[in-house]
Amino acid sequence: MSYALASEPIVQRTAEQVTFSYRHRLGADQAEVTVEWSSDLMVWNSGLLDLIGRMPDGFGLEIATWQLPLESRGFVRLRVVVVP
């Protein structure tokens, strides 16, 4: 995980939205990072989430922010897979 990510992910909630952000290392080309959502910790899905922004921070990192479902309760995780 430390190869692909620069810090712990952050979940933020406002009245309008819930977002999930993480800092990804731009040079970590062999790491595939996927954000997944679950309502029960058994079934995980990446299709319910919307990428709302990617912003380079000028230090070789990129901040990716995803919008989570506002009306439901659930869990979010990062899945990091090393690709050849």
N, C-alpha and C. Protein backbone atom coordinates (compact mmCIF):
# COMPACT_ATOMS: atom_id res chain seq x y z
N MET A 1 0.81 -1.19 0.00
CA MET A 1 0.00 0.00 0.00
C MET A 1 0.86 1.26 0.00
N SER A 2 1.97 1.25 0.73
CA SER A 2 2.79 2.46 0.80
C SER A 2 3.45 2.79 -0.55
N TYR A 3 3.60 1.78 -1.42
CA TYR A 3 4.12 2.03 -2.77
C TYR A 3 3.16 2.93 -3.56
N ALA A 4 1.87 2.71 -3.40
CA ALA A 4 0.87 3.43 -4.19
C ALA A 4 0.31 4.66 -3.50
N LEU A 5 0.21 4.63 -2.18
CA LEU A 5 -0.46 5.70 -1.45
C LEU A 5 0.52 6.48 -0.59
N ALA A 6 0.24 7.78 -0.43
CA ALA A 6 1.14 8.64 0.34
C ALA A 6 0.63 8.93 1.74
N SER A 7 -0.63 8.63 2.02
CA SER A 7 -1.19 8.90 3.35
C SER A 7 -2.48 8.10 3.51
N GLU A 8 -3.05 8.19 4.69
CA GLU A 8 -4.33 7.53 4.95
C GLU A 8 -5.44 8.24 4.18
N PRO A 9 -6.43 7.49 3.69
CA PRO A 9 -7.58 8.11 3.02
C PRO A 9 -8.40 8.94 4.01
N ILE A 10 -9.19 9.88 3.47
CA ILE A 10 -10.00 10.76 4.29
C ILE A 10 -11.45 10.72 3.81
N VAL A 11 -12.39 10.57 4.73
CA VAL A 11 -13.82 10.66 4.42
C VAL A 11 -14.33 11.96 5.01
N GLN A 12 -15.03 12.75 4.20
CA GLN A 12 -15.60 14.02 4.65
C GLN A 12 -17.08 14.03 4.33
N ARG A 13 -17.88 14.55 5.28
CA ARG A 13 -19.33 14.61 5.10
C ARG A 13 -19.81 16.05 5.26
N THR A 14 -20.62 16.51 4.32
CA THR A 14 -21.30 17.79 4.43
C THR A 14 -22.79 17.51 4.25
N ALA A 15 -23.60 18.56 4.31
CA ALA A 15 -25.05 18.38 4.11
C ALA A 15 -25.36 17.93 2.69
N GLU A 16 -24.49 18.28 1.73
CA GLU A 16 -24.74 17.98 0.32
C GLU A 16 -24.11 16.70 -0.18
N GLN A 17 -22.98 16.28 0.42
CA GLN A 17 -22.28 15.12 -0.13
C GLN A 17 -21.35 14.48 0.89
N VAL A 18 -20.96 13.24 0.56
CA VAL A 18 -19.92 12.52 1.30
C VAL A 18 -18.82 12.22 0.30
N THR A 19 -17.58 12.59 0.65
CA THR A 19 -16.47 12.35 -0.26
C THR A 19 -15.41 11.48 0.41
N PHE A 20 -14.67 10.78 -0.44
CA PHE A 20 -13.57 9.91 -0.02
C PHE A 20 -12.36 10.33 -0.85
N SER A 21 -11.28 10.74 -0.20
CA SER A 21 -10.09 11.21 -0.91
C SER A 21 -8.87 10.43 -0.47
N TYR A 22 -7.95 10.26 -1.40
CA TYR A 22 -6.65 9.65 -1.08
C TYR A 22 -5.58 10.27 -1.95
N ARG A 23 -4.34 10.21 -1.44
CA ARG A 23 -3.18 10.72 -2.18
C ARG A 23 -2.44 9.54 -2.79
N HIS A 24 -2.32 9.57 -4.11
CA HIS A 24 -1.72 8.49 -4.89
C HIS A 24 -0.38 8.95 -5.45
N ARG A 25 0.62 8.10 -5.41
CA ARG A 25 1.93 8.42 -5.98
C ARG A 25 1.86 8.30 -7.51
N LEU A 26 2.18 9.38 -8.21
CA LEU A 26 2.08 9.40 -9.67
C LEU A 26 3.03 8.41 -10.33
N GLY A 27 4.16 8.11 -9.73
CA GLY A 27 5.13 7.19 -10.32
C GLY A 27 4.86 5.73 -10.01
N ALA A 28 3.81 5.42 -9.28
CA ALA A 28 3.51 4.04 -8.90
C ALA A 28 2.70 3.37 -10.01
N ASP A 29 3.34 3.20 -11.16
CA ASP A 29 2.64 2.69 -12.34
C ASP A 29 2.24 1.23 -12.24
N GLN A 30 2.85 0.47 -11.36
CA GLN A 30 2.51 -0.94 -11.23
C GLN A 30 1.41 -1.18 -10.20
N ALA A 31 0.85 -0.12 -9.64
CA ALA A 31 -0.22 -0.27 -8.66
C ALA A 31 -1.54 0.21 -9.25
N GLU A 32 -2.52 -0.65 -9.19
CA GLU A 32 -3.88 -0.30 -9.63
C GLU A 32 -4.72 -0.08 -8.38
N VAL A 33 -5.21 1.14 -8.21
CA VAL A 33 -5.98 1.51 -7.02
C VAL A 33 -7.46 1.60 -7.40
N THR A 34 -8.30 0.89 -6.65
CA THR A 34 -9.74 0.90 -6.88
C THR A 34 -10.45 1.25 -5.58
N VAL A 35 -11.41 2.17 -5.66
CA VAL A 35 -12.25 2.52 -4.51
C VAL A 35 -13.49 1.65 -4.56
N GLU A 36 -13.81 1.00 -3.44
CA GLU A 36 -14.97 0.11 -3.39
C GLU A 36 -15.90 0.49 -2.24
N TRP A 37 -17.19 0.23 -2.42
CA TRP A 37 -18.24 0.59 -1.48
C TRP A 37 -19.05 -0.66 -1.13
N SER A 38 -19.45 -0.77 0.15
CA SER A 38 -20.28 -1.90 0.57
C SER A 38 -21.28 -1.44 1.62
N SER A 39 -22.45 -2.01 1.60
CA SER A 39 -23.44 -1.73 2.64
C SER A 39 -23.40 -2.78 3.74
N ASP A 40 -22.70 -3.91 3.49
CA ASP A 40 -22.74 -5.02 4.45
C ASP A 40 -21.38 -5.68 4.72
N LEU A 41 -20.31 -5.16 4.16
CA LEU A 41 -18.95 -5.71 4.28
C LEU A 41 -18.78 -7.09 3.61
N MET A 42 -19.81 -7.55 2.92
CA MET A 42 -19.73 -8.83 2.23
C MET A 42 -19.58 -8.64 0.73
N VAL A 43 -20.40 -7.77 0.15
CA VAL A 43 -20.39 -7.51 -1.29
C VAL A 43 -19.81 -6.12 -1.51
N TRP A 44 -18.74 -6.03 -2.30
CA TRP A 44 -18.07 -4.76 -2.59
C TRP A 44 -18.29 -4.40 -4.04
N ASN A 45 -18.52 -3.10 -4.30
CA ASN A 45 -18.84 -2.63 -5.63
C ASN A 45 -18.12 -1.31 -5.89
N SER A 46 -17.55 -1.17 -7.06
CA SER A 46 -16.91 0.10 -7.41
C SER A 46 -17.78 0.93 -8.34
N GLY A 47 -18.88 0.38 -8.81
CA GLY A 47 -19.73 1.07 -9.76
C GLY A 47 -20.64 2.13 -9.17
N LEU A 48 -20.81 2.19 -7.86
CA LEU A 48 -21.72 3.14 -7.23
C LEU A 48 -21.06 4.48 -6.95
N LEU A 49 -19.79 4.61 -7.24
CA LEU A 49 -19.03 5.80 -6.87
C LEU A 49 -18.73 6.65 -8.08
N ASP A 50 -18.66 7.97 -7.86
CA ASP A 50 -18.33 8.90 -8.94
C ASP A 50 -17.02 9.61 -8.63
N LEU A 51 -16.08 9.56 -9.57
CA LEU A 51 -14.84 10.32 -9.44
C LEU A 51 -15.18 11.78 -9.71
N ILE A 52 -14.94 12.64 -8.73
CA ILE A 52 -15.29 14.06 -8.92
C ILE A 52 -14.06 14.94 -9.09
N GLY A 53 -12.87 14.36 -8.91
CA GLY A 53 -11.70 15.18 -9.16
C GLY A 53 -10.39 14.45 -8.96
N ARG A 54 -9.41 14.85 -9.77
CA ARG A 54 -8.02 14.41 -9.63
C ARG A 54 -7.17 15.67 -9.74
N MET A 55 -6.33 15.90 -8.74
CA MET A 55 -5.53 17.12 -8.75
C MET A 55 -4.10 16.81 -8.33
N PRO A 56 -3.12 17.07 -9.22
CA PRO A 56 -1.71 16.93 -8.83
C PRO A 56 -1.39 17.96 -7.74
N ASP A 57 -0.55 17.55 -6.79
CA ASP A 57 -0.21 18.49 -5.71
C ASP A 57 1.15 19.16 -5.90
N GLY A 58 1.84 18.85 -7.00
CA GLY A 58 3.13 19.48 -7.27
C GLY A 58 4.32 18.79 -6.61
N PHE A 59 4.06 17.72 -5.85
CA PHE A 59 5.13 16.99 -5.17
C PHE A 59 5.19 15.53 -5.61
N GLY A 60 4.71 15.23 -6.82
CA GLY A 60 4.71 13.86 -7.32
C GLY A 60 3.53 13.04 -6.85
N LEU A 61 2.53 13.70 -6.29
CA LEU A 61 1.34 13.01 -5.81
C LEU A 61 0.11 13.57 -6.51
N GLU A 62 -0.95 12.79 -6.48
CA GLU A 62 -2.22 13.23 -7.02
C GLU A 62 -3.29 12.95 -5.97
N ILE A 63 -4.17 13.92 -5.75
CA ILE A 63 -5.28 13.73 -4.82
C ILE A 63 -6.50 13.35 -5.63
N ALA A 64 -7.03 12.16 -5.40
CA ALA A 64 -8.23 11.67 -6.07
C ALA A 64 -9.39 11.75 -5.09
N THR A 65 -10.50 12.34 -5.54
CA THR A 65 -11.68 12.49 -4.68
C THR A 65 -12.88 11.84 -5.35
N TRP A 66 -13.57 11.01 -4.58
CA TRP A 66 -14.73 10.26 -5.05
C TRP A 66 -15.95 10.65 -4.24
N GLN A 67 -17.10 10.72 -4.89
CA GLN A 67 -18.36 10.99 -4.18
C GLN A 67 -19.00 9.67 -3.82
N LEU A 68 -19.40 9.55 -2.55
CA LEU A 68 -20.04 8.34 -2.05
C LEU A 68 -21.55 8.54 -2.03
N PRO A 69 -22.32 7.45 -1.99
CA PRO A 69 -23.78 7.59 -1.90
C PRO A 69 -24.17 8.32 -0.61
N LEU A 70 -24.89 9.42 -0.72
CA LEU A 70 -25.26 10.25 0.43
C LEU A 70 -26.36 9.63 1.26
N GLU A 71 -27.33 9.01 0.61
CA GLU A 71 -28.53 8.56 1.30
C GLU A 71 -28.38 7.23 2.02
N SER A 72 -27.30 6.52 1.80
CA SER A 72 -27.17 5.21 2.42
C SER A 72 -25.97 5.14 3.36
N ARG A 73 -26.04 4.21 4.27
CA ARG A 73 -24.93 3.97 5.19
C ARG A 73 -24.11 2.82 4.64
N GLY A 74 -22.80 2.88 4.87
CA GLY A 74 -21.99 1.81 4.35
C GLY A 74 -20.53 1.98 4.69
N PHE A 75 -19.71 1.27 3.95
CA PHE A 75 -18.29 1.19 4.18
C PHE A 75 -17.56 1.45 2.87
N VAL A 76 -16.37 1.99 2.98
CA VAL A 76 -15.56 2.26 1.79
C VAL A 76 -14.16 1.72 2.05
N ARG A 77 -13.52 1.22 0.99
CA ARG A 77 -12.15 0.72 1.12
C ARG A 77 -11.39 0.98 -0.17
N LEU A 78 -10.08 0.92 -0.06
CA LEU A 78 -9.20 0.99 -1.22
C LEU A 78 -8.65 -0.41 -1.47
N ARG A 79 -8.70 -0.84 -2.71
CA ARG A 79 -8.09 -2.11 -3.10
C ARG A 79 -6.91 -1.75 -3.99
N VAL A 80 -5.73 -2.18 -3.58
CA VAL A 80 -4.50 -1.91 -4.35
C VAL A 80 -3.96 -3.26 -4.85
N VAL A 81 -3.80 -3.35 -6.18
CA VAL A 81 -3.32 -4.58 -6.81
C VAL A 81 -2.07 -4.22 -7.61
N VAL A 82 -1.04 -5.03 -7.47
CA VAL A 82 0.17 -4.85 -8.27
C VAL A 82 -0.06 -5.52 -9.62
N VAL A 83 0.15 -4.74 -10.68
CA VAL A 83 -0.03 -5.28 -12.04
C VAL A 83 1.34 -5.42 -12.69
N PRO A 84 1.50 -6.46 -13.50
CA PRO A 84 2.82 -6.67 -14.14
C PRO A 84 3.14 -5.62 -15.18
